[in-house]
Amino acid sequence: MTLTRSAPVTGGTRQRGGAGRAVAVLVLVTLGALVPLLGPSAALHGTGEAEAPGAGGIALLRTVLFAALCIPVGELFVNRLARSVPGAAPGLPPSWSSWAAAAGFLAALGLASVVATGNLVPGALADIDVGGLYASRDGKLALLEVNAFLVAGLCAVSRRPAAQVLPLAAVIVAEALRAHPTTEHTPLTGSALTLVHLTCAALWVGGLLHALRVLRRWRDPAGAALLGLYARVAAVLLAAITATGVCSSLRRMPPETVLEQLTATAYGRVLLAKVLLVAAVAALALWARRRLRRAADPLTACAPARAEVVALGLVVAVSGALTALPVPIRW
């Protein structure tokens, strides 16, 4: 059984299908961009908290950075799984890693320019103190991310694309350290939690996206076997993401204040939205897993898996918005 219909498809039908997918992707990308752009202002409304300058733009840049990290990590992960599938077709879809690295490089460059102006949105090139980046911890981490995406892009177009894993790991480490400044209580603990959380999230989001792209080329049963392998690993990833997410939230919002802060603070409101989205994603993942195990055609699991990818894209956008909000740390 193939992933496509056995009935002949005319050129007109194929054109209409391609146009429909293009429109759907455009709508989803636009929605994903609006969430970080407008999310911080909406979440801060009525809380009495001050909005940082350019919060929407910074949230959008960080959303692009997260997405650019997920794509190559997911490709490397799923390609490794694909090599262990018996009877798999030799062809894999074209890599998006080089484009993702370019997007990540531009996003990291934009974020570095903000750091270089004292965490303010630069009004002109003269406002950017590039040399000043070397004088601060945040500046050095921002430069590390810029250079890491540049190296990842070069590795993606080289004969050894698997070498991307090193610069991509550097981006994850830099993000984990950036999220927990040295002024925070036990910053290394927070960085370790973020490191695991971000790594597992990148594997889950990027892996599912690339697995569905591979399934468009493969035939059953190899396609079903690949999706089954991914589903087993995804269950572990979801458990790790949930555990680290809960621990990180409790570090920033002590148990006795959680319920109040989920509605009274901007950070809590966006965190609540993220939790609800992740719960929806988990339900879709469970639906896909049940179809994979019990349906006559296991590849019908692709339908809920596609919906899961869309929901995960929104989770990435909400995560970008979360990073631009004031953290309600209360020790």
Foldseek 3Di string as FASTA:
>chain_A
DAPDDPDDDDPVNVVVVVVVVVVVVVVLVVVLLVCLQCQLVVLAPPLPDDFQAPRSVQLSLQLLLLVLLLQLLQVLLLVVLLVPQPPKDPDADDGCNLVSLVSNLVSLVQVLQCVQQVNHRDPDPVSGDLVCLVVDLLSVLSVLSNVLSVVLNVCCPDPHNVVNVVSSLSNLLSVLDNLFDPVADPSVVSSVLSSLLSSLLSNLLNNLVRLLRRSNPIGPPSSLVSVVVSLVVNVVSLVSNVVSVVVNVCQLAPPVCLVVCLRNGSLNVLVVVLVVLSVVLVVLSVVLVCLSPDPPDNVVSVVSSVVSSSSSSSSSSSVSSSSSGDGRHDD
